[in-house]
Amino acid sequence: METEKRVVTPPRALLSSNPLKWFRFFGPGVIIASVTVGSGEILFPSRGGAIFGFQVLYVFLFIALLKWIFVYSSMRHMILSGGHPLERWSWIPGPRGWLPLFMFIILVVAVPIWYSFLSGLTGLTCAWIFGVGDHYLWATVSVAAAVLLLARGGYNFLENAQKIILGLLVAGIFVAVFYVAPNWADIAKGFIPQPLSYPDWLYGIMPEMRSRSVWVEIMVYGSVIGGLSFDYLAYLSFLRDKKWGWSHLGTATSEQLDLIATQKDHPARLWLRAALVDTVASFVMVVIISSCFCILGTIILQPDQRVPEGLNLLNHQASFLTTLSPWLLPVYQLAVFLAFFGVLFGAPELYYRVAYEYLNSLPRWRGQLLARNVRVAVFGWTLGGGLLILWGSRVFPDVGLIDIVTPAGIYAGVLACGFYAMTNPWVDWRFLPAPLRMSSWLVMANIIAGLAFTFMGLKALWDYGQLGAYLTLAGLLLACFLLAWQLRFLHRIKASPQRPVAS
C-alpha cells in the first residue's frame, strides 16, 4: 500500500541498545517541561514549600506519575493508529460526540481564564523589574507585544533566548539546592504521602486562607504541574509534525492495523520507544525541577514566613539565586519574564491545535476548515478574553490571580485529566486489534489514574463551591448530552452528487 510506504523508519539511534542514544528523541516532551517551568515550577512548588515544607514533595511525584500514565497511553495509541483522542472520544457511548464537546466547552471557558492568569503574572514581573506602572498595564503591553510577534512570526530569537536564560535559571536552582545544604533525610521523608495542614502562622499574614481548603490549594498545584489536559491534546497534535509512527498519516484502517499487529518489527511499533523515552524524560524533569523549587521554598522562604501571593507571587523566589550572589537577580528577573512571555506567545498556538483537532474531527467539517480562520478566532478569544477577565478583576480588588485561576485549574487540570485517563483503555479496546492494545497493567494504571483525578477534582469542587459546584458540573454534562444530540448532523458527511450521506 502507498500509505504504508510513507511510514517513517525509525533512525538507528532509537533502535540502539545504548539508552543514551534514545534521548535524541526527547522531542514533544520538551514542550511539557518548558511550559511547566514557566507557569508551574517558579510559582507553585515554591509556594507549596513555603506553606507546607518538605511534606508536600510527594504531591509533585504523585501527580507527575498519574499524568505520565495517561499521556504515554494516548501517545502510543496515536503512534500506532493515527487516531487523536478528540476523534476517538466521539464514539464514546451516548449521544455522538458528547465527550469531545464537553472537553471543547471546558477549553472555550477555561482558556481566557488561564490566559488572564498568565498575562497577569507577566505584568507583575514587568512592574517589579521596572518599578513603575501596575500589572494590568504591563500585562496589556505584553499581550500587545505577543500579538505583534504572532502576526510577524518573529519568535525564533525569543525562543532561543528563552532556552538559554531558562537553562541558566534551572542550573542556578540546582546549584542553590546543594549550596543551602538541605537535610536529605527530611527531603526523602517528604516523598512519603502524609496529611497536610496549614501552619498556624499562615493565617496571621494571609487571613483569607481560612476560607481556602488545603485540598483546593493542593489541587491547583496538581493542575499545573506537568501541564493541563489541553496541553497534552496539543502535544499529541504535534506528533503529526514529528512523523512518529502513524501519527501523521491520518487514521489507520482496520486492514492497516491488522498488518501492524502481525509484524512485531513494524516501523509504527518501533516508534513506541520514542514515546516512552520522551514522556518519561519529560516527567522526570518535572519532578526534579518541582522538587528543587519546593526545597528552596522550604529552606529560604518558610523560616521568614514569606509566601508567594498577591502582588508578590514571583519576587520572593529571587532569593533562591541571590543566595548564591546578588548579581544573579537580573538573571532571575529576565528568566521569569522570558518564561511567562514565552508562554503568552506559545499558549494560543497550543489552544489552536486543540480547537482545530476537535472541529476537524467532525465528519461534516473534516478537511473543509481554513486553518487560518480557526487560528485567528482562537487567538482572538484567548488573548482578548484573557485581558478582559484580567481588567475585569480590577473591579474586585480582593480577588487575586490565584483566585481567578482556581476553578479553571480544577476543571481543566484535574477533572478533565480524570476523564482522559479513564477513556484510554476503552479507546484501545474499541479501535485496536488485541496485539496492539496496552498491557493489562497499563489498563489498570489508567483506571486508577482516572479514578484518582476524578475523586480529587470532585473533592476540590466540593471544597470550592459545595453543592453549587456539583450542580454546575451536572448541568454542564447534561447540556453537552442535549447539545450533542442536536448537533448530530455534524457527524454525517455532507451529501454531494458524488458522495451519499453517511448514516
Protein backbone atom coordinates (compact mmCIF):
# COMPACT_ATOMS: atom_id res chain seq x y z
CA MET A 1 0.00 0.00 0.00
CA GLU A 2 1.22 3.50 -0.86
CA THR A 3 0.24 4.78 2.57
CA GLU A 4 2.24 2.00 4.17
CA LYS A 5 5.39 3.16 2.35
CA ARG A 6 5.13 6.58 3.94
CA VAL A 7 5.64 5.31 7.49
CA VAL A 8 8.99 6.76 8.54
CA THR A 9 11.53 4.13 9.52
CA PRO A 10 12.99 4.90 12.97
CA PRO A 11 16.65 6.03 12.97
CA ARG A 12 19.25 3.57 14.19
CA ALA A 13 19.79 5.60 17.35
CA LEU A 14 16.26 4.75 18.51
CA LEU A 15 16.82 1.04 17.92
CA SER A 16 20.25 1.06 19.57
CA SER A 17 20.92 -0.99 22.71
CA ASN A 18 22.60 2.12 24.17
CA PRO A 19 19.93 4.03 26.18
CA LEU A 20 21.96 7.26 25.96
CA LYS A 21 21.24 7.41 22.23
CA TRP A 22 17.49 7.22 22.83
CA PHE A 23 17.44 10.67 24.41
CA ARG A 24 17.88 12.21 20.99
CA PHE A 25 14.14 11.66 20.76
CA PHE A 26 13.28 13.85 23.71
CA GLY A 27 11.01 15.96 21.49
CA PRO A 28 7.40 16.93 22.29
CA GLY A 29 8.16 16.35 25.96
CA VAL A 30 10.46 19.38 25.89
CA ILE A 31 7.31 21.44 25.47
CA ILE A 32 5.79 19.90 28.60
CA ALA A 33 8.94 20.56 30.60
CA SER A 34 9.38 24.14 29.36
CA VAL A 35 5.74 25.06 29.93
CA THR A 36 5.80 23.69 33.44
CA VAL A 37 8.98 25.63 34.30
CA GLY A 38 7.34 28.81 33.05
CA SER A 39 3.87 28.57 34.56
CA GLY A 40 4.31 25.89 37.21
CA GLU A 41 7.61 25.40 38.99
CA ILE A 42 8.58 29.03 39.55
CA LEU A 43 5.36 29.71 41.42
CA PHE A 44 3.50 26.71 42.82
CA PRO A 45 6.20 24.38 44.21
CA SER A 46 7.86 27.43 45.80
CA ARG A 47 4.54 28.42 47.34
CA GLY A 48 3.93 24.84 48.45
CA GLY A 49 7.32 24.63 50.11
CA ALA A 50 6.82 27.97 51.87
CA ILE A 51 3.46 26.82 53.27
CA PHE A 52 3.78 23.07 53.82
CA GLY A 53 7.52 22.42 53.80
CA PHE A 54 9.08 19.20 52.55
CA GLN A 55 5.85 17.33 53.36
CA VAL A 56 4.31 18.48 50.06
CA LEU A 57 7.01 16.88 47.88
CA TYR A 58 5.06 13.66 47.40
CA VAL A 59 2.27 15.62 45.69
CA PHE A 60 4.52 16.57 42.77
CA LEU A 61 5.76 12.99 42.36
CA PHE A 62 2.24 11.55 42.61
CA ILE A 63 0.69 14.00 40.14
CA ALA A 64 3.54 13.57 37.63
CA LEU A 65 3.20 9.78 37.76
CA LEU A 66 -0.56 9.89 37.22
CA LYS A 67 -0.21 12.30 34.29
CA TRP A 68 2.56 10.24 32.71
CA ILE A 69 0.28 7.20 32.69
CA PHE A 70 -2.45 8.67 30.54
CA VAL A 71 -0.17 10.84 28.40
CA TYR A 72 2.01 7.88 27.41
CA SER A 73 -1.04 5.67 26.82
CA SER A 74 -2.71 8.12 24.45
CA MET A 75 0.60 8.86 22.71
CA ARG A 76 1.20 5.17 21.99
CA HIS A 77 -2.33 4.85 20.61
CA MET A 78 -1.81 7.74 18.21
CA ILE A 79 1.58 6.46 17.08
CA LEU A 80 0.06 3.06 16.30
CA SER A 81 -3.17 4.22 14.69
CA GLY A 82 -3.05 7.95 13.93
CA GLY A 83 -6.21 8.42 15.98
CA HIS A 84 -6.29 11.60 18.10
CA PRO A 85 -8.26 11.34 21.39
CA LEU A 86 -10.75 14.03 20.32
CA GLU A 87 -11.59 11.93 17.29
CA ARG A 88 -11.78 8.66 19.22
CA TRP A 89 -13.90 10.09 22.03
CA SER A 90 -16.69 10.88 19.57
CA TRP A 91 -17.55 7.16 19.70
CA ILE A 92 -17.98 7.03 23.48
CA PRO A 93 -21.46 5.58 24.25
CA GLY A 94 -24.16 8.23 24.44
CA PRO A 95 -25.16 11.00 22.02
CA ARG A 96 -22.47 11.04 19.34
CA GLY A 97 -19.62 13.36 20.31
CA TRP A 98 -20.80 14.39 23.78
CA LEU A 99 -17.40 13.91 25.48
CA PRO A 100 -15.32 15.85 22.92
CA LEU A 101 -17.98 18.58 23.11
CA PHE A 102 -17.66 18.61 26.91
CA MET A 103 -13.88 18.97 26.65
CA PHE A 104 -14.20 21.64 23.98
CA ILE A 105 -16.59 23.70 26.10
CA ILE A 106 -14.19 23.48 29.05
CA LEU A 107 -11.44 24.65 26.70
CA VAL A 108 -13.51 27.60 25.49
CA VAL A 109 -14.34 28.69 29.05
CA ALA A 110 -11.01 27.90 30.73
CA VAL A 111 -8.61 29.27 28.12
CA PRO A 112 -9.25 33.01 28.63
CA ILE A 113 -9.27 32.48 32.41
CA TRP A 114 -5.93 30.72 32.30
CA TYR A 115 -4.54 33.31 29.90
CA SER A 116 -5.61 36.14 32.20
CA PHE A 117 -3.58 34.45 34.95
CA LEU A 118 -0.50 34.12 32.72
CA SER A 119 -0.74 37.69 31.42
CA GLY A 120 -1.19 38.94 34.99
CA LEU A 121 1.98 37.13 36.07
CA THR A 122 3.87 38.65 33.15
CA GLY A 123 2.55 42.07 34.15
CA LEU A 124 3.65 41.52 37.75
CA THR A 125 7.14 40.63 36.55
CA CYS A 126 7.42 43.77 34.40
CA ALA A 127 6.10 46.03 37.17
CA TRP A 128 8.67 44.53 39.55
CA ILE A 129 11.56 44.87 37.09
CA PHE A 130 10.86 48.44 36.00
CA GLY A 131 9.34 49.71 39.25
CA VAL A 132 6.63 51.76 37.53
CA GLY A 133 3.04 51.06 36.46
CA ASP A 134 0.74 48.28 37.62
CA HIS A 135 0.47 44.73 36.39
CA TYR A 136 -2.74 45.44 34.44
CA LEU A 137 -0.95 47.95 32.21
CA TRP A 138 2.14 45.81 31.78
CA ALA A 139 0.00 42.76 31.01
CA THR A 140 -1.70 44.71 28.24
CA VAL A 141 1.65 45.83 26.81
CA SER A 142 2.96 42.24 26.97
CA VAL A 143 -0.10 40.82 25.20
CA ALA A 144 0.19 43.53 22.52
CA ALA A 145 3.84 42.55 22.01
CA ALA A 146 2.80 38.89 21.76
CA VAL A 147 0.20 39.81 19.12
CA LEU A 148 2.86 41.60 17.07
CA LEU A 149 5.16 38.59 17.26
CA LEU A 150 2.31 36.28 16.29
CA ALA A 151 1.49 38.49 13.32
CA ARG A 152 5.11 38.79 12.16
CA GLY A 153 6.25 35.31 13.13
CA GLY A 154 9.31 36.72 14.86
CA TYR A 155 9.53 34.24 17.69
CA ASN A 156 12.79 32.46 16.87
CA PHE A 157 15.03 34.91 18.72
CA LEU A 158 12.77 34.89 21.79
CA GLU A 159 12.63 31.09 21.76
CA ASN A 160 16.41 30.74 21.62
CA ALA A 161 16.91 33.41 24.30
CA GLN A 162 14.31 31.70 26.46
CA LYS A 163 16.14 28.37 26.25
CA ILE A 164 19.44 29.96 27.28
CA ILE A 165 18.08 32.09 30.13
CA LEU A 166 15.78 29.39 31.47
CA GLY A 167 18.69 26.97 31.27
CA LEU A 168 20.75 29.34 33.41
CA LEU A 169 17.85 29.68 35.86
CA VAL A 170 17.38 25.93 36.24
CA ALA A 171 21.15 25.40 36.54
CA GLY A 172 21.30 28.09 39.20
CA ILE A 173 18.40 26.48 41.08
CA PHE A 174 20.20 23.13 41.10
CA VAL A 175 23.37 24.75 42.43
CA ALA A 176 21.37 26.67 45.04
CA VAL A 177 19.79 23.46 46.36
CA PHE A 178 23.19 21.98 47.12
CA TYR A 179 24.51 25.32 48.35
CA VAL A 180 21.88 25.58 51.10
CA ALA A 181 22.82 22.06 52.25
CA PRO A 182 19.35 20.65 52.98
CA ASN A 183 18.72 17.68 55.22
CA TRP A 184 18.39 14.94 52.63
CA ALA A 185 16.72 12.57 55.08
CA ASP A 186 13.92 15.08 55.64
CA ILE A 187 13.60 15.53 51.89
CA ALA A 188 13.29 11.76 51.41
CA LYS A 189 10.52 11.66 54.03
CA GLY A 190 8.68 14.34 52.06
CA PHE A 191 8.08 11.86 49.23
CA ILE A 192 6.08 9.63 51.59
CA PRO A 193 2.35 10.51 51.47
CA GLN A 194 1.15 12.20 54.65
CA PRO A 195 -1.67 14.56 55.73
CA LEU A 196 -1.11 18.23 55.00
CA SER A 197 -2.33 21.21 57.00
CA TYR A 198 -1.74 24.94 57.08
CA PRO A 199 0.72 26.21 59.70
CA ASP A 200 -0.79 28.49 62.34
CA TRP A 201 1.37 31.47 61.31
CA LEU A 202 -0.15 31.45 57.82
CA TYR A 203 -3.47 32.92 58.99
CA GLY A 204 -1.68 35.87 60.52
CA ILE A 205 -0.20 37.01 57.21
CA MET A 206 -2.90 35.60 54.90
CA PRO A 207 -6.25 35.55 56.75
CA GLU A 208 -8.07 34.73 53.52
CA MET A 209 -6.57 31.21 53.67
CA ARG A 210 -9.08 30.35 56.41
CA SER A 211 -11.72 30.06 53.69
CA ARG A 212 -9.48 28.20 51.23
CA SER A 213 -9.27 24.48 51.97
CA VAL A 214 -5.95 22.66 51.87
CA TRP A 215 -7.43 20.36 49.23
CA VAL A 216 -8.23 23.23 46.85
CA GLU A 217 -4.74 24.69 47.37
CA ILE A 218 -3.08 21.36 46.58
CA MET A 219 -5.29 20.70 43.56
CA VAL A 220 -4.23 24.00 41.99
CA TYR A 221 -0.63 22.78 42.32
CA GLY A 222 -1.60 19.46 40.79
CA SER A 223 -3.46 21.05 37.90
CA VAL A 224 -0.46 22.98 36.58
CA ILE A 225 2.45 20.67 37.42
CA GLY A 226 3.29 18.96 34.14
CA GLY A 227 0.58 20.83 32.24
CA LEU A 228 -3.20 20.92 31.78
CA SER A 229 -5.20 18.28 29.95
CA PHE A 230 -5.42 20.51 26.85
CA ASP A 231 -1.63 20.84 26.75
CA TYR A 232 -1.42 17.08 26.20
CA LEU A 233 -4.07 17.11 23.48
CA ALA A 234 -1.97 19.76 21.72
CA TYR A 235 1.26 17.78 22.20
CA LEU A 236 -0.36 14.79 20.52
CA SER A 237 -1.21 17.04 17.60
CA PHE A 238 2.48 17.98 17.40
CA LEU A 239 3.27 14.30 16.81
CA ARG A 240 2.00 14.78 13.29
CA ASP A 241 4.90 17.17 12.71
CA LYS A 242 7.38 14.73 14.26
CA LYS A 243 6.07 11.92 11.99
CA TRP A 244 6.40 9.27 14.66
CA GLY A 245 4.73 6.06 13.50
CA TRP A 246 1.27 6.52 12.02
CA SER A 247 0.63 9.88 13.71
CA HIS A 248 0.93 11.96 10.51
CA LEU A 249 -0.86 9.58 8.13
CA GLY A 250 -4.45 10.06 9.18
CA THR A 251 -6.47 7.33 10.87
CA ALA A 252 -5.33 3.81 10.03
CA THR A 253 -7.88 1.43 8.54
CA SER A 254 -8.68 -1.99 10.04
CA GLU A 255 -6.56 -3.65 7.37
CA GLN A 256 -3.59 -1.40 8.12
CA LEU A 257 -3.92 -2.00 11.86
CA ASP A 258 -4.05 -5.76 11.30
CA LEU A 259 -0.85 -5.54 9.28
CA ILE A 260 0.86 -3.59 12.08
CA ALA A 261 -0.37 -6.14 14.60
CA THR A 262 1.11 -9.09 12.71
CA GLN A 263 4.58 -7.53 12.41
CA LYS A 264 6.43 -7.04 15.67
CA ASP A 265 9.15 -5.09 13.85
CA HIS A 266 6.70 -2.83 12.02
CA PRO A 267 8.06 0.77 11.96
CA ALA A 268 4.97 2.10 13.72
CA ARG A 269 5.57 -0.27 16.64
CA LEU A 270 9.26 0.55 16.80
CA TRP A 271 8.41 4.25 17.28
CA LEU A 272 6.76 3.41 20.62
CA ARG A 273 10.19 3.55 22.25
CA ALA A 274 10.37 7.24 21.30
CA ALA A 275 7.05 7.87 23.09
CA LEU A 276 8.30 6.08 26.20
CA VAL A 277 11.62 7.93 26.27
CA ASP A 278 10.03 11.30 25.58
CA THR A 279 7.32 11.06 28.23
CA VAL A 280 9.49 9.50 30.94
CA ALA A 281 12.27 12.07 30.46
CA SER A 282 9.77 14.91 30.46
CA PHE A 283 8.00 13.96 33.68
CA VAL A 284 11.24 13.08 35.46
CA MET A 285 12.38 16.63 34.69
CA VAL A 286 9.06 17.94 36.01
CA VAL A 287 9.53 16.11 39.32
CA ILE A 288 13.18 17.15 39.73
CA ILE A 289 12.60 20.82 38.94
CA SER A 290 9.45 20.97 41.08
CA SER A 291 11.28 19.39 43.97
CA CYS A 292 14.18 21.85 43.72
CA PHE A 293 11.87 24.87 43.87
CA CYS A 294 9.93 23.29 46.73
CA ILE A 295 13.13 22.59 48.69
CA LEU A 296 14.30 26.18 48.29
CA GLY A 297 10.85 27.46 49.25
CA THR A 298 11.03 25.40 52.42
CA ILE A 299 14.56 26.41 53.41
CA ILE A 300 14.64 30.06 52.29
CA LEU A 301 11.04 31.33 52.35
CA GLN A 302 9.34 29.36 55.14
CA PRO A 303 11.60 30.48 58.04
CA ASP A 304 10.86 34.13 57.17
CA GLN A 305 7.17 33.35 56.63
CA ARG A 306 7.31 34.67 53.07
CA VAL A 307 4.62 33.10 50.88
CA PRO A 308 4.27 33.88 47.15
CA GLU A 309 0.85 35.55 47.00
CA GLY A 310 -0.97 38.66 45.80
CA LEU A 311 1.46 41.08 44.17
CA ASN A 312 4.42 39.06 45.49
CA LEU A 313 3.81 35.88 43.53
CA LEU A 314 7.24 35.94 41.88
CA ASN A 315 9.67 38.30 43.58
CA HIS A 316 10.23 36.25 46.77
CA GLN A 317 11.75 33.45 44.66
CA ALA A 318 14.58 35.78 43.57
CA SER A 319 16.27 34.94 46.86
CA PHE A 320 16.82 31.41 45.51
CA LEU A 321 19.54 32.81 43.24
CA THR A 322 20.65 35.85 45.23
CA THR A 323 21.57 33.36 47.96
CA LEU A 324 24.43 32.47 45.64
CA SER A 325 25.24 36.04 44.56
CA PRO A 326 23.36 39.37 44.40
CA TRP A 327 24.33 39.85 40.76
CA LEU A 328 22.10 36.91 39.80
CA LEU A 329 18.96 38.98 40.46
CA PRO A 330 18.82 40.31 36.87
CA VAL A 331 19.24 36.74 35.60
CA TYR A 332 16.21 35.66 37.63
CA GLN A 333 14.13 38.64 36.52
CA LEU A 334 14.97 38.11 32.85
CA ALA A 335 14.36 34.37 33.10
CA VAL A 336 10.95 34.84 34.71
CA PHE A 337 9.94 37.43 32.12
CA LEU A 338 11.02 35.24 29.20
CA ALA A 339 9.34 32.21 30.75
CA PHE A 340 5.95 33.85 31.08
CA PHE A 341 6.18 35.92 27.91
CA GLY A 342 7.15 32.76 26.03
CA VAL A 343 4.00 31.08 27.34
CA LEU A 344 1.94 34.16 26.39
CA PHE A 345 3.20 33.72 22.85
CA GLY A 346 3.10 29.93 22.67
CA ALA A 347 -0.15 29.12 24.52
CA PRO A 348 -2.52 30.40 21.77
CA GLU A 349 -0.86 28.01 19.31
CA LEU A 350 -1.45 25.10 21.69
CA TYR A 351 -5.11 26.03 22.11
CA TYR A 352 -5.50 26.48 18.35
CA ARG A 353 -4.20 22.96 17.83
CA VAL A 354 -6.80 21.52 20.21
CA ALA A 355 -9.66 23.55 18.70
CA TYR A 356 -8.65 22.55 15.17
CA GLU A 357 -8.36 18.86 16.12
CA TYR A 358 -11.88 18.95 17.57
CA LEU A 359 -13.51 20.82 14.69
CA ASN A 360 -11.70 18.73 12.09
CA SER A 361 -12.80 15.52 13.85
CA LEU A 362 -16.41 16.30 12.90
CA PRO A 363 -17.10 14.47 9.61
CA ARG A 364 -19.26 17.31 8.31
CA TRP A 365 -16.33 19.75 8.50
CA ARG A 366 -13.37 17.42 8.07
CA GLY A 367 -10.92 18.77 5.51
CA GLN A 368 -13.07 21.84 4.85
CA LEU A 369 -11.83 24.18 7.59
CA LEU A 370 -9.48 27.04 6.82
CA ALA A 371 -6.74 26.70 9.42
CA ARG A 372 -6.06 30.44 9.26
CA ASN A 373 -9.64 31.31 10.21
CA VAL A 374 -9.63 28.89 13.14
CA ARG A 375 -6.27 30.24 14.30
CA VAL A 376 -7.44 33.87 14.19
CA ALA A 377 -10.63 33.02 16.11
CA VAL A 378 -8.76 31.08 18.80
CA PHE A 379 -6.05 33.72 19.14
CA GLY A 380 -8.64 36.48 19.47
CA TRP A 381 -10.64 34.56 22.06
CA THR A 382 -7.53 33.66 24.05
CA LEU A 383 -5.73 37.00 24.06
CA GLY A 384 -8.75 39.29 24.07
CA GLY A 385 -10.74 37.22 26.54
CA GLY A 386 -7.77 36.89 28.87
CA LEU A 387 -7.22 40.64 29.00
CA LEU A 388 -10.93 41.33 29.56
CA ILE A 389 -11.02 38.95 32.53
CA LEU A 390 -7.82 40.41 33.98
CA TRP A 391 -9.05 44.00 33.71
CA GLY A 392 -12.48 42.93 34.97
CA SER A 393 -10.86 41.56 38.12
CA ARG A 394 -9.72 45.11 38.91
CA VAL A 395 -13.29 45.84 40.00
CA PHE A 396 -12.84 43.22 42.71
CA PRO A 397 -9.56 44.13 44.45
CA ASP A 398 -9.89 41.25 46.92
CA VAL A 399 -9.72 38.70 44.08
CA GLY A 400 -6.13 37.66 43.43
CA LEU A 401 -4.61 35.98 40.38
CA ILE A 402 -4.64 32.57 42.07
CA ASP A 403 -8.34 33.03 42.88
CA ILE A 404 -9.04 33.63 39.18
CA VAL A 405 -7.26 30.52 38.00
CA THR A 406 -8.51 28.12 40.71
CA PRO A 407 -11.80 26.96 39.10
CA ALA A 408 -10.18 26.68 35.66
CA GLY A 409 -7.40 24.58 37.18
CA ILE A 410 -9.85 22.20 38.86
CA TYR A 411 -11.79 21.61 35.64
CA ALA A 412 -9.01 21.66 33.04
CA GLY A 413 -6.13 20.29 35.11
CA VAL A 414 -7.82 17.72 37.35
CA LEU A 415 -11.33 16.63 36.32
CA ALA A 416 -10.56 16.63 32.60
CA CYS A 417 -7.44 14.54 33.30
CA GLY A 418 -9.66 12.00 35.08
CA PHE A 419 -11.97 11.64 32.08
CA TYR A 420 -8.95 11.50 29.77
CA ALA A 421 -7.30 8.63 31.69
CA MET A 422 -10.44 6.54 32.12
CA THR A 423 -11.21 6.60 28.39
CA ASN A 424 -7.77 5.35 27.30
CA PRO A 425 -8.45 1.63 27.89
CA TRP A 426 -11.82 1.90 26.09
CA VAL A 427 -10.22 3.67 23.12
CA ASP A 428 -7.63 0.89 22.74
CA TRP A 429 -10.30 -1.81 23.11
CA ARG A 430 -12.62 -0.13 20.60
CA PHE A 431 -10.14 0.66 17.83
CA LEU A 432 -7.02 -1.54 18.12
CA PRO A 433 -6.59 -5.25 17.46
CA ALA A 434 -5.65 -7.22 20.58
CA PRO A 435 -1.86 -7.43 19.90
CA LEU A 436 -1.63 -3.62 19.78
CA ARG A 437 -3.65 -2.80 22.89
CA MET A 438 -2.00 -1.61 26.07
CA SER A 439 -0.95 -4.23 28.60
CA SER A 440 -3.22 -5.21 31.49
CA TRP A 441 -1.03 -3.34 33.99
CA LEU A 442 -1.29 -0.16 31.91
CA VAL A 443 -5.06 -0.61 31.67
CA MET A 444 -5.26 -0.84 35.45
CA ALA A 445 -2.91 2.13 35.85
CA ASN A 446 -5.13 4.27 33.63
CA ILE A 447 -8.23 3.28 35.58
CA ILE A 448 -6.52 4.12 38.87
CA ALA A 449 -5.25 7.43 37.49
CA GLY A 450 -8.68 8.28 36.13
CA LEU A 451 -10.45 7.49 39.38
CA ALA A 452 -7.81 9.40 41.36
CA PHE A 453 -8.11 12.56 39.26
CA THR A 454 -11.91 12.34 39.24
CA PHE A 455 -12.07 11.93 43.01
CA MET A 456 -9.56 14.73 43.58
CA GLY A 457 -11.45 17.01 41.22
CA LEU A 458 -14.85 16.30 42.80
CA LYS A 459 -13.41 16.79 46.28
CA ALA A 460 -11.84 20.09 45.21
CA LEU A 461 -15.12 21.21 43.61
CA TRP A 462 -17.00 20.45 46.82
CA ASP A 463 -14.49 22.35 48.95
CA TYR A 464 -14.53 25.23 46.47
CA GLY A 465 -18.27 25.62 45.81
CA GLN A 466 -20.01 22.68 47.51
CA LEU A 467 -23.49 21.88 46.13
CA GLY A 468 -23.45 24.78 43.68
CA ALA A 469 -20.24 23.50 42.09
CA TYR A 470 -21.71 19.99 41.72
CA LEU A 471 -24.89 21.36 40.15
CA THR A 472 -22.79 23.37 37.71
CA LEU A 473 -20.86 20.24 36.66
CA ALA A 474 -24.06 18.18 36.35
CA GLY A 475 -25.71 20.96 34.33
CA LEU A 476 -22.72 21.17 32.00
CA LEU A 477 -22.73 17.42 31.38
CA LEU A 478 -26.49 17.42 30.74
CA ALA A 479 -26.16 20.39 28.40
CA CYS A 480 -23.46 18.54 26.45
CA PHE A 481 -25.69 15.47 26.10
CA LEU A 482 -28.58 17.58 24.79
CA LEU A 483 -26.42 19.75 22.56
CA ALA A 484 -24.62 16.72 21.10
CA TRP A 485 -28.00 15.27 20.20
CA GLN A 486 -28.97 18.50 18.43
CA LEU A 487 -25.62 18.63 16.61
CA ARG A 488 -25.65 15.01 15.49
CA PHE A 489 -25.82 16.18 11.85
CA LEU A 490 -22.16 17.25 12.20
CA HIS A 491 -21.23 13.58 12.37
CA ARG A 492 -22.73 12.91 8.96
CA ILE A 493 -20.84 13.56 5.75
CA LYS A 494 -22.48 16.28 3.70
CA ALA A 495 -24.32 14.93 0.67
CA SER A 496 -22.95 15.67 -2.80
CA PRO A 497 -23.60 14.30 -6.32
CA GLN A 498 -20.57 12.03 -5.90
CA ARG A 499 -20.99 11.10 -2.23
CA PRO A 500 -24.11 9.92 -0.39
CA VAL A 501 -24.86 10.96 3.19
CA ALA A 502 -23.29 8.61 5.73
CA SER A 503 -25.64 7.01 8.21
